[in-house]
Amino acid sequence: MNQIKAKIDNPLSELISDEIFELLEAHGLIDEKAVRDYQIRRKFKSLRAGKVSAGDAIDAIREEYPYLQFDYNQKDCLSNKQIEYT
């Protein structure tokens, strides 16, 4: 029998393999808020690297995550948390 497996979107693909992500998610070990915050910081850093002002970068992020407050995005994006990725 052929088994069809649904493809899960791995937002951490540059850090862990799809298989590991699926395993962690299946066991409830993925913190969705932490993953979202990581994606927000990564996008902010990418926009800033493209010479977008901090305010415009936060506005762009707010368009993607309209349910988050401006202050939350600002705190998350401008915090001293360092992201190590390539």
N, C-alpha and C. Protein backbone atom coordinates (compact mmCIF):
# COMPACT_ATOMS: atom_id res chain seq x y z
N MET A 1 0.82 -1.19 0.00
CA MET A 1 0.00 0.00 0.00
C MET A 1 0.86 1.25 0.00
N ASN A 2 0.48 2.18 -0.82
CA ASN A 2 1.18 3.46 -0.81
C ASN A 2 0.57 4.35 0.25
N GLN A 3 1.44 4.94 1.04
CA GLN A 3 0.97 5.83 2.08
C GLN A 3 1.26 7.26 1.67
N ILE A 4 0.22 8.07 1.69
CA ILE A 4 0.38 9.48 1.34
C ILE A 4 0.48 10.27 2.63
N LYS A 5 1.55 11.03 2.72
CA LYS A 5 1.80 11.81 3.92
C LYS A 5 1.62 13.29 3.59
N ALA A 6 0.84 13.98 4.39
CA ALA A 6 0.62 15.41 4.18
C ALA A 6 1.90 16.17 4.50
N LYS A 7 2.25 17.09 3.64
CA LYS A 7 3.45 17.89 3.83
C LYS A 7 3.16 19.01 4.82
N ILE A 8 3.95 19.08 5.87
CA ILE A 8 3.81 20.11 6.88
C ILE A 8 4.80 21.22 6.55
N ASP A 9 4.33 22.45 6.60
CA ASP A 9 5.21 23.59 6.36
C ASP A 9 6.12 23.76 7.58
N ASN A 10 7.41 23.65 7.35
CA ASN A 10 8.39 23.75 8.41
C ASN A 10 8.96 25.16 8.45
N PRO A 11 8.52 26.00 9.38
CA PRO A 11 9.04 27.36 9.46
C PRO A 11 10.47 27.44 9.99
N LEU A 12 11.00 26.32 10.44
CA LEU A 12 12.36 26.28 10.97
C LEU A 12 13.27 25.46 10.07
N SER A 13 12.96 25.41 8.79
CA SER A 13 13.68 24.54 7.85
C SER A 13 15.18 24.84 7.77
N GLU A 14 15.58 26.08 8.05
CA GLU A 14 17.01 26.38 8.02
C GLU A 14 17.72 25.91 9.28
N LEU A 15 16.95 25.48 10.28
CA LEU A 15 17.54 25.02 11.53
C LEU A 15 17.41 23.51 11.74
N ILE A 16 16.24 22.97 11.38
CA ILE A 16 16.00 21.53 11.58
C ILE A 16 15.31 20.95 10.36
N SER A 17 15.47 19.66 10.16
CA SER A 17 14.86 18.99 9.01
C SER A 17 13.34 18.91 9.17
N ASP A 18 12.66 18.69 8.06
CA ASP A 18 11.21 18.53 8.08
C ASP A 18 10.80 17.36 8.95
N GLU A 19 11.56 16.27 8.89
CA GLU A 19 11.23 15.08 9.67
C GLU A 19 11.31 15.37 11.16
N ILE A 20 12.35 16.07 11.59
CA ILE A 20 12.49 16.41 13.01
C ILE A 20 11.37 17.35 13.43
N PHE A 21 11.06 18.33 12.58
CA PHE A 21 9.98 19.26 12.90
C PHE A 21 8.66 18.52 13.06
N GLU A 22 8.36 17.61 12.14
CA GLU A 22 7.12 16.84 12.20
C GLU A 22 7.07 15.99 13.47
N LEU A 23 8.20 15.39 13.84
CA LEU A 23 8.25 14.58 15.05
C LEU A 23 8.01 15.43 16.30
N LEU A 24 8.68 16.57 16.37
CA LEU A 24 8.49 17.46 17.51
C LEU A 24 7.05 17.97 17.58
N GLU A 25 6.50 18.33 16.44
CA GLU A 25 5.12 18.83 16.40
C GLU A 25 4.13 17.73 16.80
N ALA A 26 4.37 16.52 16.34
CA ALA A 26 3.48 15.40 16.67
C ALA A 26 3.45 15.13 18.17
N HIS A 27 4.54 15.44 18.85
CA HIS A 27 4.61 15.22 20.29
C HIS A 27 4.30 16.49 21.09
N GLY A 28 3.84 17.52 20.41
CA GLY A 28 3.46 18.76 21.09
C GLY A 28 4.62 19.53 21.67
N LEU A 29 5.77 19.40 21.04
CA LEU A 29 6.98 20.04 21.57
C LEU A 29 7.37 21.32 20.83
N ILE A 30 6.53 21.77 19.94
CA ILE A 30 6.80 23.02 19.21
C ILE A 30 6.01 24.14 19.87
N ASP A 31 6.70 25.18 20.31
CA ASP A 31 6.06 26.35 20.89
C ASP A 31 5.74 27.31 19.75
N GLU A 32 4.47 27.34 19.36
CA GLU A 32 4.07 28.13 18.19
C GLU A 32 4.34 29.61 18.36
N LYS A 33 4.19 30.13 19.56
CA LYS A 33 4.46 31.54 19.80
C LYS A 33 5.95 31.84 19.62
N ALA A 34 6.79 30.96 20.11
CA ALA A 34 8.23 31.15 19.97
C ALA A 34 8.64 31.06 18.50
N VAL A 35 8.03 30.15 17.75
CA VAL A 35 8.31 30.04 16.31
C VAL A 35 7.87 31.30 15.60
N ARG A 36 6.67 31.80 15.94
CA ARG A 36 6.17 33.04 15.33
C ARG A 36 7.11 34.20 15.64
N ASP A 37 7.54 34.31 16.89
CA ASP A 37 8.45 35.39 17.28
C ASP A 37 9.78 35.28 16.54
N TYR A 38 10.27 34.07 16.36
CA TYR A 38 11.50 33.85 15.60
C TYR A 38 11.33 34.32 14.15
N GLN A 39 10.18 33.99 13.56
CA GLN A 39 9.92 34.40 12.18
C GLN A 39 9.82 35.92 12.08
N ILE A 40 9.20 36.55 13.06
CA ILE A 40 9.09 38.02 13.07
C ILE A 40 10.47 38.65 13.15
N ARG A 41 11.31 38.17 14.06
CA ARG A 41 12.66 38.73 14.19
C ARG A 41 13.48 38.51 12.93
N ARG A 42 13.33 37.32 12.33
CA ARG A 42 14.06 37.01 11.10
C ARG A 42 13.62 37.95 9.96
N LYS A 43 12.32 38.16 9.84
CA LYS A 43 11.81 39.06 8.79
C LYS A 43 12.29 40.49 9.04
N PHE A 44 12.24 40.93 10.29
CA PHE A 44 12.69 42.27 10.63
C PHE A 44 14.16 42.46 10.26
N LYS A 45 14.98 41.48 10.63
CA LYS A 45 16.41 41.57 10.32
C LYS A 45 16.64 41.60 8.81
N SER A 46 15.86 40.81 8.08
CA SER A 46 15.98 40.78 6.63
C SER A 46 15.58 42.12 6.01
N LEU A 47 14.49 42.69 6.49
CA LEU A 47 14.05 44.00 5.98
C LEU A 47 15.09 45.08 6.29
N ARG A 48 15.61 45.06 7.49
CA ARG A 48 16.61 46.06 7.87
C ARG A 48 17.88 45.91 7.04
N ALA A 49 18.23 44.68 6.71
CA ALA A 49 19.41 44.45 5.87
C ALA A 49 19.19 45.02 4.47
N GLY A 50 17.94 45.11 4.07
CA GLY A 50 17.57 45.70 2.78
C GLY A 50 17.37 47.19 2.85
N LYS A 51 17.89 47.81 3.91
CA LYS A 51 17.86 49.28 4.09
C LYS A 51 16.46 49.84 4.31
N VAL A 52 15.54 49.02 4.85
CA VAL A 52 14.20 49.49 5.21
C VAL A 52 14.29 50.06 6.62
N SER A 53 13.66 51.21 6.85
CA SER A 53 13.71 51.81 8.19
C SER A 53 13.02 50.89 9.20
N ALA A 54 13.39 51.04 10.47
CA ALA A 54 12.81 50.20 11.52
C ALA A 54 11.29 50.36 11.57
N GLY A 55 10.81 51.60 11.46
CA GLY A 55 9.36 51.85 11.49
C GLY A 55 8.64 51.19 10.33
N ASP A 56 9.21 51.30 9.13
CA ASP A 56 8.60 50.67 7.96
C ASP A 56 8.65 49.15 8.05
N ALA A 57 9.74 48.63 8.61
CA ALA A 57 9.85 47.17 8.77
C ALA A 57 8.78 46.68 9.75
N ILE A 58 8.58 47.40 10.84
CA ILE A 58 7.56 47.01 11.81
C ILE A 58 6.18 47.12 11.18
N ASP A 59 5.94 48.16 10.38
CA ASP A 59 4.65 48.28 9.69
C ASP A 59 4.41 47.11 8.74
N ALA A 60 5.44 46.68 8.02
CA ALA A 60 5.31 45.54 7.12
C ALA A 60 4.97 44.28 7.90
N ILE A 61 5.60 44.12 9.04
CA ILE A 61 5.33 42.95 9.88
C ILE A 61 3.92 43.01 10.44
N ARG A 62 3.47 44.20 10.80
CA ARG A 62 2.11 44.36 11.32
C ARG A 62 1.07 43.98 10.28
N GLU A 63 1.38 44.17 9.00
CA GLU A 63 0.45 43.76 7.94
C GLU A 63 0.30 42.24 7.91
N GLU A 64 1.37 41.53 8.20
CA GLU A 64 1.33 40.06 8.23
C GLU A 64 0.71 39.53 9.50
N TYR A 65 0.88 40.24 10.60
CA TYR A 65 0.38 39.82 11.91
C TYR A 65 -0.47 40.95 12.50
N PRO A 66 -1.64 41.23 11.90
CA PRO A 66 -2.44 42.38 12.33
C PRO A 66 -3.00 42.25 13.75
N TYR A 67 -3.03 41.05 14.28
CA TYR A 67 -3.58 40.84 15.62
C TYR A 67 -2.58 41.20 16.72
N LEU A 68 -1.33 41.47 16.35
CA LEU A 68 -0.33 41.86 17.34
C LEU A 68 -0.28 43.37 17.48
N GLN A 69 -0.07 43.83 18.68
CA GLN A 69 0.03 45.26 18.95
C GLN A 69 1.36 45.81 18.42
N PHE A 70 1.37 47.07 18.05
CA PHE A 70 2.59 47.72 17.57
C PHE A 70 3.69 47.60 18.62
N ASP A 71 3.33 47.83 19.88
CA ASP A 71 4.33 47.77 20.96
C ASP A 71 4.94 46.39 21.07
N TYR A 72 4.13 45.35 20.87
CA TYR A 72 4.65 43.98 20.93
C TYR A 72 5.67 43.77 19.82
N ASN A 73 5.31 44.15 18.59
CA ASN A 73 6.23 43.99 17.46
C ASN A 73 7.50 44.78 17.69
N GLN A 74 7.35 45.99 18.18
CA GLN A 74 8.52 46.83 18.41
C GLN A 74 9.42 46.19 19.46
N LYS A 75 8.84 45.72 20.55
CA LYS A 75 9.62 45.09 21.61
C LYS A 75 10.31 43.83 21.10
N ASP A 76 9.57 43.02 20.34
CA ASP A 76 10.12 41.77 19.84
C ASP A 76 11.22 42.02 18.80
N CYS A 77 10.99 42.93 17.90
CA CYS A 77 11.94 43.20 16.82
C CYS A 77 13.18 43.92 17.31
N LEU A 78 13.00 44.82 18.23
CA LEU A 78 14.12 45.67 18.65
C LEU A 78 14.79 45.19 19.93
N SER A 79 14.37 44.03 20.42
CA SER A 79 14.97 43.51 21.65
C SER A 79 16.43 43.14 21.40
N ASN A 80 17.12 42.87 22.45
CA ASN A 80 18.54 42.50 22.35
C ASN A 80 18.74 41.04 22.03
N LYS A 81 17.68 40.32 21.73
CA LYS A 81 17.81 38.90 21.40
C LYS A 81 18.59 38.79 20.09
N GLN A 82 19.58 37.94 20.12
CA GLN A 82 20.39 37.74 18.93
C GLN A 82 19.91 36.50 18.18
N ILE A 83 19.79 36.60 16.89
CA ILE A 83 19.40 35.47 16.05
C ILE A 83 20.63 35.00 15.31
N GLU A 84 20.92 33.74 15.45
CA GLU A 84 22.03 33.16 14.72
C GLU A 84 21.48 32.31 13.60
N TYR A 85 21.59 32.78 12.39
CA TYR A 85 21.18 32.02 11.22
C TYR A 85 21.92 32.56 10.03
N THR A 86 21.89 31.81 8.95
CA THR A 86 22.57 32.27 7.75
C THR A 86 21.58 32.64 6.70
